[in-house]
Amino acid sequence: MTAKTKQMSPVDSAWLHMEEPTHLMMITGVSLLDKPLDFERFRKTLEVRLLTLDRFTMRVVESALPVGTPHWEVDPNFDLDAHIHRVALPAPGDMTELQRLISDLASTPLDFSKPLWNIHLVENVAGGAAMVLRLHHCIGDGTAMNAVLFRLMDMARDAAEAASIVGRVLLMTPDPPTPFKGPLGVQKRVAWSNNVPLASFS
């Protein structure tokens, strides 16, 4: 391996090869924002805070050997704009419309010729906006997704500590399997509830 390549771990390789049309190995995270975002500032934030994590500029290359594992390779044609999508919800721009959009995104595979992530800035969401980040499970799990979203919203200018946290989270082992699984299908459906006060669980 060279400075521009990195061997993929067996665990991440397993996540990669579990990809099927009915079982997309993709994690989708959503952040709701109460105000619209300036798109150019949003893009600059991604450039400064996200692209310092090498897996976001590296694509997956399968081994030429039948028993070899894939490796990460710096994408020579990397273009940040190919990973950022700016869309707006149709009126009335409510949660039902947002859930419909995210359901479509969760049903759409990532482009394996590029680094395996993208982000949608969704405008006209209840007077504000939403960020929808999708990344492949071979990059990281749901905990890593939360750490990445936290990194993007961290107001501190010196994000070195946050970068160390994200790096550790990306190397964590995946969550154990659970019995709450149903039959798989190509079309996914995304939904969530209204806020529930924590005090109601005490």
C-alpha atoms as a PDB file:
ATOM      1  CA  MET A   1       0.000   0.000   0.000  1.00  0.00           C
ATOM      2  CA  THR A   2       1.149   3.532  -0.777  1.00  0.00           C
ATOM      3  CA  ALA A   3       0.300   6.871   0.807  1.00  0.00           C
ATOM      4  CA  LYS A   4      -2.620   7.089  -1.604  1.00  0.00           C
ATOM      5  CA  THR A   5      -3.984   3.629  -0.806  1.00  0.00           C
ATOM      6  CA  LYS A   6      -5.039   1.869   2.376  1.00  0.00           C
ATOM      7  CA  GLN A   7      -6.027  -1.741   2.934  1.00  0.00           C
ATOM      8  CA  MET A   8      -9.652  -2.213   3.944  1.00  0.00           C
ATOM      9  CA  SER A   9     -10.202  -4.095   7.183  1.00  0.00           C
ATOM     10  CA  PRO A  10     -11.899  -7.508   7.003  1.00  0.00           C
ATOM     11  CA  VAL A  11     -14.898  -6.120   8.924  1.00  0.00           C
ATOM     12  CA  ASP A  12     -15.366  -3.211   6.525  1.00  0.00           C
ATOM     13  CA  SER A  13     -14.865  -5.574   3.596  1.00  0.00           C
ATOM     14  CA  ALA A  14     -17.676  -7.748   4.943  1.00  0.00           C
ATOM     15  CA  TRP A  15     -19.993  -4.708   5.152  1.00  0.00           C
ATOM     16  CA  LEU A  16     -19.058  -3.794   1.586  1.00  0.00           C
ATOM     17  CA  HIS A  17     -19.843  -7.236   0.210  1.00  0.00           C
ATOM     18  CA  MET A  18     -23.201  -7.479   1.969  1.00  0.00           C
ATOM     19  CA  GLU A  19     -24.543  -4.850  -0.453  1.00  0.00           C
ATOM     20  CA  GLU A  20     -27.597  -6.050  -2.393  1.00  0.00           C
ATOM     21  CA  PRO A  21     -30.476  -4.186  -4.082  1.00  0.00           C
ATOM     22  CA  THR A  22     -32.785  -5.226  -1.242  1.00  0.00           C
ATOM     23  CA  HIS A  23     -30.148  -4.643   1.432  1.00  0.00           C
ATOM     24  CA  LEU A  24     -28.260  -1.422   0.809  1.00  0.00           C
ATOM     25  CA  MET A  25     -25.407  -1.190   3.301  1.00  0.00           C
ATOM     26  CA  MET A  26     -25.921   2.540   3.650  1.00  0.00           C
ATOM     27  CA  ILE A  27     -26.521   4.645   6.729  1.00  0.00           C
ATOM     28  CA  THR A  28     -28.707   7.729   6.463  1.00  0.00           C
ATOM     29  CA  GLY A  29     -28.594  10.550   8.996  1.00  0.00           C
ATOM     30  CA  VAL A  30     -30.880  13.575   9.156  1.00  0.00           C
ATOM     31  CA  SER A  31     -30.359  16.901  10.906  1.00  0.00           C
ATOM     32  CA  LEU A  32     -33.247  19.368  11.079  1.00  0.00           C
ATOM     33  CA  LEU A  33     -32.279  23.038  11.095  1.00  0.00           C
ATOM     34  CA  ASP A  34     -34.636  25.790  12.208  1.00  0.00           C
ATOM     35  CA  LYS A  35     -33.243  28.351   9.744  1.00  0.00           C
ATOM     36  CA  PRO A  36     -32.185  28.246   6.081  1.00  0.00           C
ATOM     37  CA  LEU A  37     -28.467  27.766   5.370  1.00  0.00           C
ATOM     38  CA  ASP A  38     -26.248  29.783   3.085  1.00  0.00           C
ATOM     39  CA  PHE A  39     -25.222  27.220   0.466  1.00  0.00           C
ATOM     40  CA  GLU A  40     -21.696  28.533  -0.139  1.00  0.00           C
ATOM     41  CA  ARG A  41     -20.977  28.582   3.589  1.00  0.00           C
ATOM     42  CA  PHE A  42     -22.414  25.064   3.846  1.00  0.00           C
ATOM     43  CA  ARG A  43     -20.113  23.875   1.044  1.00  0.00           C
ATOM     44  CA  LYS A  44     -17.071  25.520   2.645  1.00  0.00           C
ATOM     45  CA  THR A  45     -17.855  23.842   5.966  1.00  0.00           C
ATOM     46  CA  LEU A  46     -17.892  20.460   4.266  1.00  0.00           C
ATOM     47  CA  GLU A  47     -14.617  21.208   2.532  1.00  0.00           C
ATOM     48  CA  VAL A  48     -12.863  22.268   5.727  1.00  0.00           C
ATOM     49  CA  ARG A  49     -14.319  19.833   8.243  1.00  0.00           C
ATOM     50  CA  LEU A  50     -15.244  16.721   6.296  1.00  0.00           C
ATOM     51  CA  LEU A  51     -12.535  16.297   3.687  1.00  0.00           C
ATOM     52  CA  THR A  52      -9.835  16.074   6.351  1.00  0.00           C
ATOM     53  CA  LEU A  53     -11.209  12.561   6.995  1.00  0.00           C
ATOM     54  CA  ASP A  54      -9.448  10.530   4.313  1.00  0.00           C
ATOM     55  CA  ARG A  55     -12.253   8.045   3.624  1.00  0.00           C
ATOM     56  CA  PHE A  56     -14.396  10.876   2.294  1.00  0.00           C
ATOM     57  CA  THR A  57     -11.972  11.407  -0.601  1.00  0.00           C
ATOM     58  CA  MET A  58     -11.138   7.729  -1.198  1.00  0.00           C
ATOM     59  CA  ARG A  59     -12.985   5.251  -3.387  1.00  0.00           C
ATOM     60  CA  VAL A  60     -13.164   1.480  -2.986  1.00  0.00           C
ATOM     61  CA  VAL A  61     -11.119  -0.715  -5.324  1.00  0.00           C
ATOM     62  CA  GLU A  62     -11.707  -4.448  -5.360  1.00  0.00           C
ATOM     63  CA  SER A  63      -8.728  -6.803  -5.202  1.00  0.00           C
ATOM     64  CA  ALA A  64      -7.481  -8.320  -8.454  1.00  0.00           C
ATOM     65  CA  LEU A  65      -7.064 -11.614  -6.562  1.00  0.00           C
ATOM     66  CA  PRO A  66     -10.065 -13.870  -5.866  1.00  0.00           C
ATOM     67  CA  VAL A  67      -9.216 -14.101  -2.153  1.00  0.00           C
ATOM     68  CA  GLY A  68      -7.924 -10.570  -1.677  1.00  0.00           C
ATOM     69  CA  THR A  69      -9.626  -7.800   0.254  1.00  0.00           C
ATOM     70  CA  PRO A  70     -10.555  -4.422  -1.256  1.00  0.00           C
ATOM     71  CA  HIS A  71      -8.535  -1.322  -0.563  1.00  0.00           C
ATOM     72  CA  TRP A  72      -9.158   2.395  -0.288  1.00  0.00           C
ATOM     73  CA  GLU A  73      -7.646   4.551  -3.019  1.00  0.00           C
ATOM     74  CA  VAL A  74      -7.572   8.335  -3.278  1.00  0.00           C
ATOM     75  CA  ASP A  75     -10.062   9.239  -5.996  1.00  0.00           C
ATOM     76  CA  PRO A  76      -7.953  10.988  -8.668  1.00  0.00           C
ATOM     77  CA  ASN A  77     -11.072  12.677 -10.020  1.00  0.00           C
ATOM     78  CA  PHE A  78     -12.569  13.660  -6.660  1.00  0.00           C
ATOM     79  CA  ASP A  79     -15.059  16.509  -6.972  1.00  0.00           C
ATOM     80  CA  LEU A  80     -16.797  17.726  -3.838  1.00  0.00           C
ATOM     81  CA  ASP A  81     -19.670  19.091  -5.902  1.00  0.00           C
ATOM     82  CA  ALA A  82     -20.468  15.563  -7.108  1.00  0.00           C
ATOM     83  CA  HIS A  83     -21.301  14.666  -3.496  1.00  0.00           C
ATOM     84  CA  ILE A  84     -23.373  17.727  -2.571  1.00  0.00           C
ATOM     85  CA  HIS A  85     -26.969  18.018  -3.713  1.00  0.00           C
ATOM     86  CA  ARG A  86     -29.192  21.031  -3.165  1.00  0.00           C
ATOM     87  CA  VAL A  87     -32.916  20.380  -3.342  1.00  0.00           C
ATOM     88  CA  ALA A  88     -36.099  22.005  -2.036  1.00  0.00           C
ATOM     89  CA  LEU A  89     -39.271  20.377  -0.801  1.00  0.00           C
ATOM     90  CA  PRO A  90     -42.497  21.146  -2.635  1.00  0.00           C
ATOM     91  CA  ALA A  91     -45.124  23.074  -0.690  1.00  0.00           C
ATOM     92  CA  PRO A  92     -46.102  22.813   2.083  1.00  0.00           C
ATOM     93  CA  GLY A  93     -42.573  21.652   2.989  1.00  0.00           C
ATOM     94  CA  ASP A  94     -43.698  19.616   5.982  1.00  0.00           C
ATOM     95  CA  MET A  95     -42.308  16.486   7.636  1.00  0.00           C
ATOM     96  CA  THR A  96     -44.406  14.215   5.427  1.00  0.00           C
ATOM     97  CA  GLU A  97     -42.716  15.602   2.315  1.00  0.00           C
ATOM     98  CA  LEU A  98     -39.288  15.318   3.960  1.00  0.00           C
ATOM     99  CA  GLN A  99     -39.928  11.709   4.965  1.00  0.00           C
ATOM    100  CA  ARG A 100     -40.988  10.921   1.394  1.00  0.00           C
ATOM    101  CA  LEU A 101     -37.756  12.407   0.027  1.00  0.00           C
ATOM    102  CA  ILE A 102     -35.569  10.578   2.531  1.00  0.00           C
ATOM    103  CA  SER A 103     -37.384   7.316   1.791  1.00  0.00           C
ATOM    104  CA  ASP A 104     -36.448   7.722  -1.881  1.00  0.00           C
ATOM    105  CA  LEU A 105     -32.830   8.490  -0.970  1.00  0.00           C
ATOM    106  CA  ALA A 106     -32.651   5.502   1.381  1.00  0.00           C
ATOM    107  CA  SER A 107     -33.826   3.306  -1.509  1.00  0.00           C
ATOM    108  CA  THR A 108     -31.160   4.609  -3.929  1.00  0.00           C
ATOM    109  CA  PRO A 109     -27.681   3.009  -3.908  1.00  0.00           C
ATOM    110  CA  LEU A 110     -24.546   5.109  -3.738  1.00  0.00           C
ATOM    111  CA  ASP A 111     -22.236   5.478  -6.753  1.00  0.00           C
ATOM    112  CA  PHE A 112     -19.446   2.921  -6.292  1.00  0.00           C
ATOM    113  CA  SER A 113     -17.177   4.688  -8.783  1.00  0.00           C
ATOM    114  CA  LYS A 114     -16.782   7.528  -6.254  1.00  0.00           C
ATOM    115  CA  PRO A 115     -16.193   7.824  -2.499  1.00  0.00           C
ATOM    116  CA  LEU A 116     -19.227   6.203  -0.905  1.00  0.00           C
ATOM    117  CA  TRP A 117     -21.090   9.145   0.581  1.00  0.00           C
ATOM    118  CA  ASN A 118     -23.181  12.139  -0.333  1.00  0.00           C
ATOM    119  CA  ILE A 119     -25.109  14.875   1.398  1.00  0.00           C
ATOM    120  CA  HIS A 120     -28.325  16.654   0.492  1.00  0.00           C
ATOM    121  CA  LEU A 121     -29.096  20.151   1.681  1.00  0.00           C
ATOM    122  CA  VAL A 122     -32.886  20.206   1.687  1.00  0.00           C
ATOM    123  CA  GLU A 123     -34.481  23.647   1.663  1.00  0.00           C
ATOM    124  CA  ASN A 124     -38.062  24.730   2.444  1.00  0.00           C
ATOM    125  CA  VAL A 125     -38.367  22.386   5.429  1.00  0.00           C
ATOM    126  CA  ALA A 126     -40.879  23.919   7.844  1.00  0.00           C
ATOM    127  CA  GLY A 127     -39.278  27.354   7.458  1.00  0.00           C
ATOM    128  CA  GLY A 128     -35.755  25.969   7.853  1.00  0.00           C
ATOM    129  CA  ALA A 129     -33.675  23.272   6.205  1.00  0.00           C
ATOM    130  CA  ALA A 130     -32.407  19.729   6.650  1.00  0.00           C
ATOM    131  CA  MET A 131     -29.111  17.963   6.053  1.00  0.00           C
ATOM    132  CA  VAL A 132     -29.360  14.370   4.844  1.00  0.00           C
ATOM    133  CA  LEU A 133     -26.017  12.565   4.978  1.00  0.00           C
ATOM    134  CA  ARG A 134     -25.670   9.117   3.428  1.00  0.00           C
ATOM    135  CA  LEU A 135     -22.552   6.998   3.805  1.00  0.00           C
ATOM    136  CA  HIS A 136     -21.745   3.361   3.207  1.00  0.00           C
ATOM    137  CA  HIS A 137     -21.351   1.103   6.207  1.00  0.00           C
ATOM    138  CA  CYS A 138     -17.790   0.267   5.146  1.00  0.00           C
ATOM    139  CA  ILE A 139     -16.892   3.887   5.985  1.00  0.00           C
ATOM    140  CA  GLY A 140     -18.501   3.778   9.410  1.00  0.00           C
ATOM    141  CA  ASP A 141     -21.581   2.809  11.400  1.00  0.00           C
ATOM    142  CA  GLY A 142     -24.460   4.837  12.823  1.00  0.00           C
ATOM    143  CA  THR A 143     -22.347   6.066  15.721  1.00  0.00           C
ATOM    144  CA  ALA A 144     -19.770   7.328  13.240  1.00  0.00           C
ATOM    145  CA  MET A 145     -22.557   9.065  11.327  1.00  0.00           C
ATOM    146  CA  ASN A 146     -23.563  10.957  14.472  1.00  0.00           C
ATOM    147  CA  ALA A 147     -19.941  11.933  15.086  1.00  0.00           C
ATOM    148  CA  VAL A 148     -19.632  13.254  11.520  1.00  0.00           C
ATOM    149  CA  LEU A 149     -22.829  15.296  11.853  1.00  0.00           C
ATOM    150  CA  PHE A 150     -21.585  16.617  15.197  1.00  0.00           C
ATOM    151  CA  ARG A 151     -18.320  17.604  13.539  1.00  0.00           C
ATOM    152  CA  LEU A 152     -20.164  19.569  10.868  1.00  0.00           C
ATOM    153  CA  MET A 153     -22.204  21.485  13.458  1.00  0.00           C
ATOM    154  CA  ASP A 154     -19.401  22.128  15.941  1.00  0.00           C
ATOM    155  CA  MET A 155     -19.090  25.896  16.325  1.00  0.00           C
ATOM    156  CA  ALA A 156     -15.460  25.776  17.562  1.00  0.00           C
ATOM    157  CA  ARG A 157     -12.962  26.808  14.907  1.00  0.00           C
ATOM    158  CA  ASP A 158     -10.310  24.363  16.144  1.00  0.00           C
ATOM    159  CA  ALA A 159     -11.820  20.978  15.305  1.00  0.00           C
ATOM    160  CA  ALA A 160      -8.685  18.898  15.966  1.00  0.00           C
ATOM    161  CA  GLU A 161     -10.204  17.229  19.041  1.00  0.00           C
ATOM    162  CA  ALA A 162     -13.420  16.461  17.165  1.00  0.00           C
ATOM    163  CA  ALA A 163     -11.385  14.917  14.338  1.00  0.00           C
ATOM    164  CA  SER A 164      -9.672  12.520  16.830  1.00  0.00           C
ATOM    165  CA  ILE A 165     -13.120  11.505  18.161  1.00  0.00           C
ATOM    166  CA  VAL A 166     -14.462  10.862  14.672  1.00  0.00           C
ATOM    167  CA  GLY A 167     -11.394   8.815  13.791  1.00  0.00           C
ATOM    168  CA  ARG A 168     -11.888   6.561  16.821  1.00  0.00           C
ATOM    169  CA  VAL A 169     -15.591   6.157  16.128  1.00  0.00           C
ATOM    170  CA  LEU A 170     -14.964   5.154  12.503  1.00  0.00           C
ATOM    171  CA  LEU A 171     -12.866   2.237  13.767  1.00  0.00           C
ATOM    172  CA  MET A 172     -15.472   0.913  16.210  1.00  0.00           C
ATOM    173  CA  THR A 173     -16.907  -2.541  15.670  1.00  0.00           C
ATOM    174  CA  PRO A 174     -20.456  -2.696  14.226  1.00  0.00           C
ATOM    175  CA  ASP A 175     -23.576  -2.999  16.349  1.00  0.00           C
ATOM    176  CA  PRO A 176     -24.641  -6.570  17.205  1.00  0.00           C
ATOM    177  CA  PRO A 177     -27.582  -8.069  15.296  1.00  0.00           C
ATOM    178  CA  THR A 178     -31.077  -7.739  16.793  1.00  0.00           C
ATOM    179  CA  PRO A 179     -34.260  -9.829  16.433  1.00  0.00           C
ATOM    180  CA  PHE A 180     -36.228  -6.832  15.137  1.00  0.00           C
ATOM    181  CA  LYS A 181     -35.807  -7.520  11.435  1.00  0.00           C
ATOM    182  CA  GLY A 182     -38.439  -8.077   8.751  1.00  0.00           C
ATOM    183  CA  PRO A 183     -38.353  -9.144   5.115  1.00  0.00           C
ATOM    184  CA  LEU A 184     -36.171  -6.983   2.894  1.00  0.00           C
ATOM    185  CA  GLY A 185     -37.388  -4.943  -0.057  1.00  0.00           C
ATOM    186  CA  VAL A 186     -35.889  -2.477  -2.511  1.00  0.00           C
ATOM    187  CA  GLN A 187     -38.123   0.439  -1.525  1.00  0.00           C
ATOM    188  CA  LYS A 188     -37.424   1.862   1.930  1.00  0.00           C
ATOM    189  CA  ARG A 189     -39.741   3.942   4.083  1.00  0.00           C
ATOM    190  CA  VAL A 190     -38.471   6.542   6.545  1.00  0.00           C
ATOM    191  CA  ALA A 191     -40.531   7.940   9.408  1.00  0.00           C
ATOM    192  CA  TRP A 192     -40.069   9.383  12.881  1.00  0.00           C
ATOM    193  CA  SER A 193     -42.235  10.534  15.759  1.00  0.00           C
ATOM    194  CA  ASN A 194     -42.682  13.947  17.289  1.00  0.00           C
ATOM    195  CA  ASN A 195     -40.446  14.863  20.224  1.00  0.00           C
ATOM    196  CA  VAL A 196     -41.139  12.866  23.386  1.00  0.00           C
ATOM    197  CA  PRO A 197     -40.093  14.440  26.740  1.00  0.00           C
ATOM    198  CA  LEU A 198     -37.501  12.276  28.509  1.00  0.00           C
ATOM    199  CA  ALA A 199     -39.290  12.887  31.794  1.00  0.00           C
ATOM    200  CA  SER A 200     -42.206  10.790  30.539  1.00  0.00           C
ATOM    201  CA  PHE A 201     -39.956   7.685  30.679  1.00  0.00           C
ATOM    202  CA  SER A 202     -38.964   8.101  34.320  1.00  0.00           C
END
